[in-house]
Structure formats: C-alpha cells, structure tokens
Amino acid sequence: MKKIIWILALFLGTLLSRADSVPVDWGSVIDTLPDPRAFHEVTTIWEAYGDYIQRIEIRDSDVAFLVGKTWIFYREGRLLSERNLHNSHRYDSLFSEYDRTGPVEKLTRGRRLPRSRDLLHAMFGRTESQVREHCVTFTFLNHEVNVNRLAAYALRQVEREIYAAASSDPEVRAFIQDLSVIYSFHRKNVKGSRTLSFHSYGLALDLIPGSYSGLHANWMWSRTYMRYWYRIPMEQRWSPPLAVMNAFKRHGFIWGGDWIRFDCVHFEYRPEIAFTRSSLAAPDWMAGATSSFLIK
C-alpha cells in the first residue's frame, strides 16, 4: 500500500519536470524512505536544486545526491556529506524550524541544533571568493544587491510583483520609499552560533526600513528588555506590507518574521521549504529558477 500511494504521488506531478534530465530508480528510493513525508522532502530537494544534481541513487541505505564531486546524503530531513553521516545526531532537519512559527506561550528550552551547510558547500564552495563567483549584482527596489544566481530569477519576479502592487497600494509605495538599505551577500554567522548565515551564500536579504515605528523587529533586540519576547503578538511586530511578503513567498522565499525567533527584515531563498508548504506539484516559479540564469 505504501508503494502504491507514493507512486500515485509521483505521477501527480511532483517529479515530472526533471524526469528526463537525471535518471532515477524511484522504486528503490521509495523502498528506502520511511514515509511519504520523507519522500516529499527528497523530491522537493530535487525540484529546488536539480540543476546542481548529477545523479540520485541509493548508497549505504540512504538516498544520495551527487553534487559536483560530492555525495550528499538525505537522512531524516538532514542533508549531509559522507564525512558528517556519523554525526547526523548533531544536526537538525532542514525542515524542522519552519513547522513551528509565530508567537508561542512557552519557549522550548535546550540547545538548538545547527543545520548542515554541506549541500550549499557542494553547490557553491566553502570560501567567500568561491561563493562570490556564483553571485550577480543588480538593482532591487532601487537598492543594489549582490545575490546568488540561484535566487536571481525569483528575486526579479518578486520585484515585478511588488511594483505592480505599488501601482494601486499606497502602503507598498510608502514601504519602497522608506527602505533605507538592503543587505544581501555578506559573509557572517547566524547570530549566537558558528553556522554560516544564508547571507554568506547570497541567498538572503535584509530589508531595512528608515523606521520600525516602535514595533519589534528582531527577537534578540526584544529579549534585552522583555522576558517573554516569544509571546509578542504579530500586530506588535514590524513587518513589510502583506503584498510584499506574499510576493516573496510565492517565489520561493521564507520570511524571518514567521519564526519563533523572529527576524522581521529577513527573507531567505528556500525553495524546498516553500515547495513543502505548498501542494505536491511544484509551483510555476521553479521552472525559471535555474543556476544557469544570469542577469546581464
């Protein structure tokens, strides 16, 4: 029964867009994965990053993606290089944090596990100079940004939708005019950790306004004077206009304001997360989000 359900899902469209480009024994993949959720996560990774994947096969009882010269293994939502497989317990699933969003009554205590960057390293390299080779510079909402080519097409579509909304929405027009700076590619760690931020790969933007109007914008700022910062209701947190957030989310970005540890200026290009939140079929924007896209 498990195999029948998953094969039906396969033919519903999850896998069709890349069926001719990478040969895959999906029967073996289905038998290897423990449940439909794992199968869905594997196929979203393939859909989101397939331009970098040369092969998919079963290696040592794990689904593995060949990216460049590196095998990346899927293990319960984690994407790990071979050298990190024995340390899989030290990493969190790429998908876990995004199931727990918004204000909460009680904060779960304990050490937060990092997410492996092995896939990003295999695609873009480990050093700043290596990643920079994958980035392009252009103007976004009247500000210069330097972003990864992987996200460039999607970001252009976001800008197009924002300007379209601004033509009839004064709140969006005011938001664009009030933007002070946009931070993009910048080598740095996630605050309070030794894990590289998505800014370090050119896959994140911080849209900084001229004023936060007295609202909360970042959990680390708020916790300095509020004990229960995680209970702050959404209406007391700064946010871009809804039309702006929706434009980003429609094109594969996630918004940091949705997180328990909120970062309301932050957008991250995570097509596999956006795909997981949507239906089994890949959204239209994935058709153009390829590594070969280059802004002249």
Foldseek 3Di string as FASTA:
>chain_A
DQLVVVVVLVVVALAPVCPPPEPDPVVLVSVLDDHVLLVLLVSLCCLLAVLQFRYWDADPSFIWTCGPNWIWTDDPQATHTPVCPVVPVQADHPQPQVVDWAFDPDDDDDDDGHGDCVVVCSHQNDDLVSLQVQWDWDDALNAIAIAGLLCVLLSVQLRVQLVVCVVPDVLSVVLSVFFDHKQFQDWDCDPPDPHTDLSVNRFKIFGHGNDQPQAAAFLVVVVVPDVRSSRDHPVRHRARDPSSQVSLLLRQKDAQCTGSRRHRRMIGRHNSNSCSVDDSHRHPNSVPSHSPDDDD
